[in-house]
Amino acid sequence: MLFFLAAILSMAIRPLMQPEADLNNTLVLIDEIAAGTDPAEGVALARAVLATLHGQGAMTLVTTHLG
C-alpha cells in the first residue's frame, strides 16, 4: 500500500517539488496526507513533503485523521 501511495503522491506533486519551483503566494491543499500507511511511515512521508513545500515558500493546509 505504501508503494502505491508514494507513486500517486509522486505524480501529483512532482511539479511542486522541483528545486526551482517558486511557490511563494501558492496555497497547497492536501487532504488525508499519507492515509492508509503505517503511522510511522506516514509521518515520515508527510514530514518530508511538508518540509519541502515550506522550504519553497508554499502555504499549506493539511488534514489528517491521525489521532
Protein backbone atom coordinates (compact mmCIF):
# COMPACT_ATOMS: atom_id res chain seq x y z
CA MET A 1 0.00 0.00 0.00
CA LEU A 2 2.82 2.41 0.82
CA PHE A 3 4.37 1.97 -2.63
CA PHE A 4 1.03 2.76 -4.31
CA LEU A 5 0.54 5.84 -2.15
CA ALA A 6 4.07 7.03 -2.81
CA ALA A 7 3.58 6.59 -6.56
CA ILE A 8 0.34 8.59 -6.58
CA LEU A 9 1.81 11.26 -4.33
CA SER A 10 4.87 11.48 -6.55
CA MET A 11 2.81 12.02 -9.70
CA ALA A 12 0.50 14.55 -8.07
CA ILE A 13 3.07 16.83 -6.53
CA ARG A 14 6.22 16.21 -8.54
CA PRO A 15 5.98 19.61 -10.29
CA LEU A 16 5.73 21.33 -6.91
CA MET A 17 8.74 19.51 -5.50
CA GLN A 18 11.23 20.66 -8.14
CA PRO A 19 14.06 22.70 -6.60
CA GLU A 20 13.48 25.57 -8.99
CA ALA A 21 9.75 25.78 -8.23
CA ASP A 22 8.78 29.17 -6.84
CA LEU A 23 5.82 28.54 -4.59
CA ASN A 24 5.56 31.97 -2.97
CA ASN A 25 1.91 33.05 -2.89
CA THR A 26 0.86 29.45 -3.57
CA LEU A 27 -1.68 27.64 -1.42
CA VAL A 28 -1.33 23.85 -1.42
CA LEU A 29 -4.26 21.86 -0.02
CA ILE A 30 -3.60 18.25 0.97
CA ASP A 31 -6.40 16.04 2.28
CA GLU A 32 -5.54 12.95 4.28
CA ILE A 33 -1.79 13.07 3.71
CA ALA A 34 -0.28 9.58 3.91
CA ALA A 35 -3.65 7.95 4.60
CA GLY A 36 -3.58 4.18 4.65
CA THR A 37 0.07 3.90 5.65
CA ASP A 38 1.72 2.68 8.80
CA PRO A 39 1.64 5.68 11.18
CA ALA A 40 5.43 5.90 11.48
CA GLU A 41 5.93 5.70 7.71
CA GLY A 42 3.10 8.16 7.09
CA VAL A 43 4.58 10.70 9.49
CA ALA A 44 7.99 10.44 7.81
CA LEU A 45 6.45 10.84 4.35
CA ALA A 46 4.28 13.77 5.40
CA ARG A 47 7.19 15.50 7.11
CA ALA A 48 9.36 15.26 4.02
CA VAL A 49 6.65 16.60 1.72
CA LEU A 50 5.68 19.43 4.05
CA ALA A 51 9.28 20.44 4.76
CA THR A 52 9.97 20.68 1.03
CA LEU A 53 6.85 22.73 0.35
CA HIS A 54 7.59 25.03 3.28
CA GLY A 55 11.17 25.47 2.13
CA GLN A 56 9.89 26.65 -1.23
CA GLY A 57 7.57 29.23 0.31
CA ALA A 58 4.23 27.48 -0.10
CA MET A 59 1.43 27.95 2.37
CA THR A 60 -0.09 24.56 3.13
CA LEU A 61 -3.31 23.34 4.67
CA VAL A 62 -3.27 19.68 5.55
CA THR A 63 -5.95 17.44 7.02
CA THR A 64 -5.43 14.12 8.72
CA HIS A 65 -7.24 11.72 10.99
CA LEU A 66 -4.08 10.72 12.79
CA GLY A 67 -5.03 10.82 16.46
